[in-house]
């Protein structure tokens, strides 16, 4: 019977990488809002985790430069404050998650880009 160490050395480097535990954050990584929407209130994005080679049960803990709706869920909504944002600006916020199984804890993060666009109003022709 081979050990985990021996099994990993029998795999190619690419196979070894894909067999390691990993956590990915997916969701609204690039958002676009109008200037009036940014002034009206927080901009909300939806995020979830995808895991690889981790064993249940999992403990999840989200963190962000924004208001996290469900800190311990696998999927959550995050509200980012955009007060004072003007058309043409882009704001960048960080989102992190820590996922823990019986043997390990993995922390990963992403950046969310929110671009502010000008308001477009329908102009009536006379």
N, C-alpha and C. Protein backbone atom coordinates (compact mmCIF):
# COMPACT_ATOMS: atom_id res chain seq x y z
N UNK A 1 0.85 -1.18 0.00
CA UNK A 1 0.00 0.00 0.00
C UNK A 1 0.90 1.24 0.00
N UNK A 2 0.63 2.17 -0.90
CA UNK A 2 1.46 3.37 -1.00
C UNK A 2 0.89 4.49 -0.12
N UNK A 3 1.77 5.39 0.28
CA UNK A 3 1.36 6.53 1.08
C UNK A 3 0.84 7.63 0.17
N UNK A 4 0.20 8.63 0.75
CA UNK A 4 -0.27 9.77 -0.02
C UNK A 4 0.90 10.46 -0.70
N UNK A 5 2.03 10.57 -0.01
CA UNK A 5 3.23 11.18 -0.58
C UNK A 5 3.67 10.42 -1.83
N UNK A 6 3.71 9.10 -1.76
CA UNK A 6 4.12 8.30 -2.90
C UNK A 6 3.11 8.41 -4.04
N UNK A 7 1.83 8.44 -3.70
CA UNK A 7 0.80 8.56 -4.72
C UNK A 7 0.93 9.89 -5.47
N UNK A 8 1.20 10.96 -4.78
CA UNK A 8 1.33 12.27 -5.41
C UNK A 8 2.54 12.31 -6.34
N UNK A 9 3.61 11.62 -5.98
CA UNK A 9 4.81 11.62 -6.83
C UNK A 9 4.66 10.72 -8.05
N UNK A 10 3.63 9.91 -8.08
CA UNK A 10 3.36 9.09 -9.26
C UNK A 10 2.56 9.87 -10.30
N UNK A 11 2.01 11.01 -9.90
CA UNK A 11 1.20 11.83 -10.81
C UNK A 11 2.08 12.85 -11.52
N UNK A 12 1.62 13.31 -12.66
CA UNK A 12 2.32 14.39 -13.36
C UNK A 12 2.11 15.69 -12.57
N UNK A 13 2.95 16.71 -12.80
CA UNK A 13 2.76 17.98 -12.09
C UNK A 13 1.36 18.56 -12.27
N UNK A 14 0.79 18.45 -13.47
CA UNK A 14 -0.56 18.97 -13.72
C UNK A 14 -1.60 18.17 -12.93
N UNK A 15 -1.46 16.84 -12.89
CA UNK A 15 -2.38 16.01 -12.13
C UNK A 15 -2.27 16.29 -10.64
N UNK A 16 -1.05 16.54 -10.17
CA UNK A 16 -0.86 16.85 -8.76
C UNK A 16 -1.57 18.14 -8.39
N UNK A 17 -1.45 19.17 -9.23
CA UNK A 17 -2.10 20.44 -8.97
C UNK A 17 -3.61 20.29 -8.89
N UNK A 18 -4.19 19.52 -9.80
CA UNK A 18 -5.64 19.37 -9.81
C UNK A 18 -6.12 18.45 -8.69
N UNK A 19 -5.22 17.68 -8.07
CA UNK A 19 -5.65 16.81 -6.98
C UNK A 19 -5.51 17.49 -5.62
N UNK A 20 -4.94 18.68 -5.57
CA UNK A 20 -4.80 19.41 -4.32
C UNK A 20 -6.12 20.09 -3.95
N UNK A 21 -6.37 20.27 -2.65
CA UNK A 21 -7.59 20.97 -2.25
C UNK A 21 -7.55 22.43 -2.72
N UNK A 22 -8.68 22.89 -3.23
CA UNK A 22 -8.77 24.26 -3.73
C UNK A 22 -10.15 24.84 -3.45
N UNK A 23 -10.19 26.16 -3.33
CA UNK A 23 -11.45 26.88 -3.16
C UNK A 23 -11.44 28.03 -4.16
N UNK A 24 -12.55 28.20 -4.89
CA UNK A 24 -12.70 29.27 -5.85
C UNK A 24 -13.93 30.09 -5.50
N UNK A 25 -13.83 31.40 -5.67
CA UNK A 25 -14.98 32.29 -5.51
C UNK A 25 -15.47 32.63 -6.91
N UNK A 26 -16.76 32.43 -7.14
CA UNK A 26 -17.35 32.79 -8.42
C UNK A 26 -18.49 33.77 -8.17
N UNK A 27 -18.85 34.50 -9.20
CA UNK A 27 -19.97 35.42 -9.06
C UNK A 27 -19.73 36.71 -9.82
N UNK A 28 -20.30 37.79 -9.31
CA UNK A 28 -20.29 39.10 -9.96
C UNK A 28 -18.96 39.81 -9.71
N UNK A 29 -17.95 39.46 -10.48
CA UNK A 29 -16.62 40.03 -10.29
C UNK A 29 -16.44 41.36 -11.02
N UNK A 30 -17.29 41.62 -12.01
CA UNK A 30 -17.28 42.90 -12.72
C UNK A 30 -18.72 43.38 -12.85
N UNK A 31 -18.98 44.52 -12.25
CA UNK A 31 -20.33 45.09 -12.28
C UNK A 31 -20.27 46.48 -12.91
N UNK A 32 -21.39 46.89 -13.47
CA UNK A 32 -21.52 48.23 -14.04
C UNK A 32 -22.83 48.81 -13.54
N UNK A 33 -22.76 50.02 -12.99
CA UNK A 33 -23.96 50.69 -12.47
C UNK A 33 -23.98 52.13 -12.96
N UNK A 34 -25.18 52.70 -13.04
CA UNK A 34 -25.28 54.11 -13.41
C UNK A 34 -24.96 54.97 -12.20
N UNK A 35 -24.66 56.21 -12.48
CA UNK A 35 -24.33 57.16 -11.43
C UNK A 35 -25.49 57.32 -10.44
N UNK A 36 -26.72 57.35 -10.93
CA UNK A 36 -27.86 57.50 -10.02
C UNK A 36 -28.07 56.23 -9.19
N UNK A 37 -27.82 55.04 -9.78
CA UNK A 37 -27.93 53.80 -9.00
C UNK A 37 -26.89 53.77 -7.88
N UNK A 38 -25.68 54.24 -8.17
CA UNK A 38 -24.63 54.28 -7.15
C UNK A 38 -25.00 55.23 -6.02
N UNK A 39 -25.66 56.34 -6.35
CA UNK A 39 -26.05 57.31 -5.34
C UNK A 39 -27.25 56.83 -4.53
N UNK A 40 -28.08 55.99 -5.13
CA UNK A 40 -29.33 55.55 -4.49
C UNK A 40 -29.08 54.63 -3.30
N UNK A 41 -28.10 53.77 -3.39
CA UNK A 41 -27.84 52.83 -2.30
C UNK A 41 -26.74 51.86 -2.67
N UNK A 42 -26.50 50.87 -1.82
CA UNK A 42 -25.42 49.93 -2.09
C UNK A 42 -25.65 49.12 -3.37
N UNK A 43 -24.55 48.75 -3.99
CA UNK A 43 -24.57 47.89 -5.18
C UNK A 43 -24.37 46.46 -4.69
N UNK A 44 -25.26 45.56 -5.10
CA UNK A 44 -25.21 44.19 -4.60
C UNK A 44 -24.69 43.23 -5.67
N UNK A 45 -23.86 42.29 -5.20
CA UNK A 45 -23.36 41.23 -6.05
C UNK A 45 -23.59 39.89 -5.36
N UNK A 46 -23.66 38.83 -6.14
CA UNK A 46 -23.87 37.48 -5.60
C UNK A 46 -22.60 36.66 -5.80
N UNK A 47 -22.23 35.89 -4.76
CA UNK A 47 -20.99 35.13 -4.77
C UNK A 47 -21.21 33.75 -4.17
N UNK A 48 -20.42 32.79 -4.66
CA UNK A 48 -20.49 31.44 -4.09
C UNK A 48 -19.12 30.80 -4.20
N UNK A 49 -18.96 29.70 -3.47
CA UNK A 49 -17.70 28.99 -3.52
C UNK A 49 -17.84 27.72 -4.33
N UNK A 50 -16.75 27.35 -4.98
CA UNK A 50 -16.62 26.04 -5.60
C UNK A 50 -15.40 25.40 -4.96
N UNK A 51 -15.56 24.16 -4.54
CA UNK A 51 -14.47 23.49 -3.83
C UNK A 51 -13.99 22.29 -4.63
N UNK A 52 -12.76 21.91 -4.36
CA UNK A 52 -12.17 20.75 -5.01
C UNK A 52 -11.33 20.02 -3.97
N UNK A 53 -11.54 18.72 -3.83
CA UNK A 53 -10.75 17.87 -2.94
C UNK A 53 -10.84 18.28 -1.47
N UNK A 54 -12.01 18.73 -1.03
CA UNK A 54 -12.23 19.01 0.39
C UNK A 54 -13.36 18.11 0.86
N UNK A 55 -13.30 17.73 2.13
CA UNK A 55 -14.26 16.77 2.67
C UNK A 55 -15.27 17.45 3.58
N UNK A 56 -16.51 17.00 3.47
CA UNK A 56 -17.58 17.49 4.34
C UNK A 56 -17.33 16.99 5.76
N UNK A 57 -17.81 17.66 6.76
CA UNK A 57 -18.54 18.94 6.72
C UNK A 57 -17.57 20.11 6.55
N UNK A 58 -18.07 21.18 5.95
CA UNK A 58 -17.26 22.36 5.72
C UNK A 58 -17.76 23.51 6.58
N UNK A 59 -16.84 24.32 7.03
CA UNK A 59 -17.18 25.57 7.70
C UNK A 59 -16.75 26.70 6.76
N UNK A 60 -17.63 27.65 6.55
CA UNK A 60 -17.38 28.74 5.61
C UNK A 60 -17.48 30.06 6.36
N UNK A 61 -16.54 30.97 6.06
CA UNK A 61 -16.58 32.30 6.67
C UNK A 61 -16.18 33.34 5.63
N UNK A 62 -17.15 34.19 5.25
CA UNK A 62 -16.93 35.24 4.26
C UNK A 62 -16.47 36.52 4.91
N UNK A 63 -15.70 37.30 4.18
CA UNK A 63 -15.31 38.64 4.58
C UNK A 63 -15.24 39.51 3.34
N UNK A 64 -15.49 40.80 3.49
CA UNK A 64 -15.48 41.67 2.30
C UNK A 64 -15.41 43.13 2.71
N UNK A 65 -15.04 43.96 1.75
CA UNK A 65 -15.16 45.40 1.91
C UNK A 65 -16.58 45.79 1.53
N UNK A 66 -17.50 45.22 2.23
CA UNK A 66 -18.92 45.42 1.98
C UNK A 66 -19.70 44.66 3.03
N UNK A 67 -21.00 44.76 2.96
CA UNK A 67 -21.90 44.11 3.91
C UNK A 67 -22.22 42.71 3.41
N UNK A 68 -21.73 41.67 4.13
CA UNK A 68 -21.98 40.28 3.75
C UNK A 68 -23.31 39.84 4.33
N UNK A 69 -24.18 39.32 3.48
CA UNK A 69 -25.52 38.93 3.94
C UNK A 69 -25.49 37.64 4.77
N UNK A 70 -24.83 36.60 4.28
CA UNK A 70 -24.79 35.30 4.98
C UNK A 70 -23.33 34.88 5.15
N UNK A 71 -22.73 35.22 6.27
CA UNK A 71 -21.30 35.02 6.49
C UNK A 71 -20.86 33.56 6.49
N UNK A 72 -21.77 32.63 6.80
CA UNK A 72 -21.37 31.23 6.93
C UNK A 72 -22.02 30.32 5.90
N UNK A 73 -22.56 30.89 4.84
CA UNK A 73 -23.21 30.10 3.80
C UNK A 73 -22.25 29.87 2.63
N UNK A 74 -22.56 28.89 1.81
CA UNK A 74 -21.72 28.61 0.63
C UNK A 74 -21.95 29.65 -0.46
N UNK A 75 -23.08 30.32 -0.42
CA UNK A 75 -23.39 31.39 -1.37
C UNK A 75 -23.92 32.56 -0.57
N UNK A 76 -23.58 33.76 -1.00
CA UNK A 76 -24.02 34.94 -0.28
C UNK A 76 -24.14 36.13 -1.21
N UNK A 77 -24.80 37.14 -0.73
CA UNK A 77 -24.90 38.42 -1.42
C UNK A 77 -24.06 39.41 -0.62
N UNK A 78 -23.37 40.31 -1.32
CA UNK A 78 -22.56 41.33 -0.66
C UNK A 78 -22.98 42.69 -1.22
N UNK A 79 -23.19 43.65 -0.32
CA UNK A 79 -23.59 45.01 -0.71
C UNK A 79 -22.38 45.94 -0.55
N UNK A 80 -22.03 46.62 -1.63
CA UNK A 80 -20.89 47.53 -1.65
C UNK A 80 -21.39 48.97 -1.67
N UNK A 81 -20.89 49.80 -0.77
CA UNK A 81 -21.29 51.21 -0.72
C UNK A 81 -20.58 51.98 -1.83
N UNK A 82 -21.33 52.80 -2.55
CA UNK A 82 -20.78 53.54 -3.68
C UNK A 82 -21.07 55.04 -3.58
N UNK A 83 -21.42 55.52 -2.40
CA UNK A 83 -21.76 56.94 -2.24
C UNK A 83 -20.65 57.84 -2.79
N UNK A 84 -21.04 58.85 -3.53
CA UNK A 84 -20.10 59.81 -4.08
C UNK A 84 -19.44 59.36 -5.37
N UNK A 85 -19.77 58.18 -5.86
CA UNK A 85 -19.16 57.70 -7.10
C UNK A 85 -19.71 58.49 -8.29
N UNK A 86 -18.83 58.82 -9.18
CA UNK A 86 -19.19 59.58 -10.38
C UNK A 86 -18.97 58.76 -11.64
N UNK A 87 -19.68 59.14 -12.68
CA UNK A 87 -19.54 58.46 -13.97
C UNK A 87 -18.08 58.47 -14.41
N UNK A 88 -17.63 57.34 -14.92
CA UNK A 88 -16.25 57.20 -15.36
C UNK A 88 -15.33 56.60 -14.31
N UNK A 89 -15.77 56.58 -13.06
CA UNK A 89 -14.95 56.01 -11.99
C UNK A 89 -15.10 54.49 -11.94
N UNK A 90 -14.07 53.85 -11.43
CA UNK A 90 -14.15 52.42 -11.15
C UNK A 90 -13.66 52.23 -9.71
N UNK A 91 -14.41 51.46 -8.96
CA UNK A 91 -14.03 51.14 -7.58
C UNK A 91 -13.73 49.65 -7.50
N UNK A 92 -12.77 49.32 -6.68
CA UNK A 92 -12.35 47.93 -6.52
C UNK A 92 -12.50 47.55 -5.05
N UNK A 93 -13.15 46.43 -4.81
CA UNK A 93 -13.40 45.92 -3.46
C UNK A 93 -12.87 44.50 -3.35
N UNK A 94 -12.41 44.13 -2.16
CA UNK A 94 -11.93 42.76 -1.96
C UNK A 94 -13.02 41.90 -1.32
N UNK A 95 -13.03 40.63 -1.71
CA UNK A 95 -13.93 39.63 -1.15
C UNK A 95 -13.07 38.41 -0.81
N UNK A 96 -13.21 37.90 0.40
CA UNK A 96 -12.44 36.74 0.83
C UNK A 96 -13.37 35.69 1.43
N UNK A 97 -12.88 34.44 1.42
CA UNK A 97 -13.60 33.37 2.08
C UNK A 97 -12.59 32.41 2.69
N UNK A 98 -12.91 31.91 3.86
CA UNK A 98 -12.11 30.87 4.51
C UNK A 98 -12.99 29.62 4.58
N UNK A 99 -12.48 28.52 4.05
CA UNK A 99 -13.22 27.26 4.05
C UNK A 99 -12.37 26.24 4.81
N UNK A 100 -12.99 25.61 5.79
CA UNK A 100 -12.29 24.66 6.66
C UNK A 100 -13.00 23.32 6.62
N UNK A 101 -12.22 22.26 6.40
CA UNK A 101 -12.77 20.91 6.53
C UNK A 101 -12.11 20.26 7.74
N UNK A 102 -12.17 18.95 7.85
CA UNK A 102 -11.64 18.27 9.03
C UNK A 102 -10.13 18.39 9.18
N UNK A 103 -9.43 18.58 8.06
CA UNK A 103 -7.97 18.53 8.10
C UNK A 103 -7.26 19.83 7.75
N UNK A 104 -7.93 20.76 7.10
CA UNK A 104 -7.22 21.94 6.63
C UNK A 104 -8.16 23.14 6.54
N UNK A 105 -7.53 24.30 6.39
CA UNK A 105 -8.27 25.53 6.20
C UNK A 105 -7.64 26.27 5.02
N UNK A 106 -8.48 26.70 4.09
CA UNK A 106 -8.00 27.42 2.91
C UNK A 106 -8.65 28.80 2.88
N UNK A 107 -7.82 29.81 2.66
CA UNK A 107 -8.31 31.18 2.52
C UNK A 107 -8.00 31.64 1.10
N UNK A 108 -9.00 32.20 0.45
CA UNK A 108 -8.80 32.73 -0.90
C UNK A 108 -9.58 34.03 -1.05
N UNK A 109 -9.24 34.80 -2.05
CA UNK A 109 -9.93 36.06 -2.25
C UNK A 109 -9.93 36.48 -3.71
N UNK A 110 -10.79 37.43 -4.01
CA UNK A 110 -10.89 38.01 -5.35
C UNK A 110 -11.11 39.51 -5.21
N UNK A 111 -10.94 40.21 -6.31
CA UNK A 111 -11.27 41.63 -6.36
C UNK A 111 -12.51 41.80 -7.22
N UNK A 112 -13.40 42.67 -6.78
CA UNK A 112 -14.63 42.99 -7.51
C UNK A 112 -14.47 44.40 -8.07
N UNK A 113 -14.67 44.55 -9.38
CA UNK A 113 -14.59 45.86 -10.02
C UNK A 113 -16.00 46.36 -10.30
N UNK A 114 -16.26 47.59 -9.85
CA UNK A 114 -17.56 48.20 -10.12
C UNK A 114 -17.32 49.50 -10.89
N UNK A 115 -17.81 49.53 -12.11
CA UNK A 115 -17.64 50.70 -12.99
C UNK A 115 -18.92 51.52 -12.95
N UNK A 116 -18.75 52.85 -12.86
CA UNK A 116 -19.89 53.76 -12.83
C UNK A 116 -20.03 54.40 -14.21
N UNK A 117 -21.23 54.26 -14.76
CA UNK A 117 -21.50 54.81 -16.09
C UNK A 117 -22.44 56.02 -15.96
N UNK A 118 -22.47 56.88 -16.98
CA UNK A 118 -23.38 58.04 -16.92
C UNK A 118 -24.83 57.58 -16.99
N UNK A 119 -25.69 58.37 -16.40
CA UNK A 119 -27.12 58.11 -16.52
C UNK A 119 -27.54 58.42 -17.96
N UNK A 120 -28.42 57.60 -18.46
CA UNK A 120 -28.95 57.85 -19.80
C UNK A 120 -30.44 58.08 -19.67
N UNK A 121 -30.86 59.23 -20.09
CA UNK A 121 -32.28 59.57 -20.03
C UNK A 121 -32.82 59.65 -21.45
N UNK A 122 -34.00 59.13 -21.62
CA UNK A 122 -34.64 59.22 -22.93
C UNK A 122 -35.02 60.68 -23.17
N UNK A 123 -34.57 61.20 -24.28
CA UNK A 123 -34.90 62.58 -24.61
C UNK A 123 -36.03 62.59 -25.63
N UNK A 124 -37.02 63.35 -25.30
CA UNK A 124 -38.16 63.46 -26.22
C UNK A 124 -37.83 64.44 -27.33
N UNK A 125 -38.21 64.09 -28.52
CA UNK A 125 -38.00 65.01 -29.64
C UNK A 125 -39.27 65.80 -29.86
N UNK A 126 -39.10 67.07 -30.15
CA UNK A 126 -40.26 67.95 -30.30
C UNK A 126 -40.82 67.90 -31.70
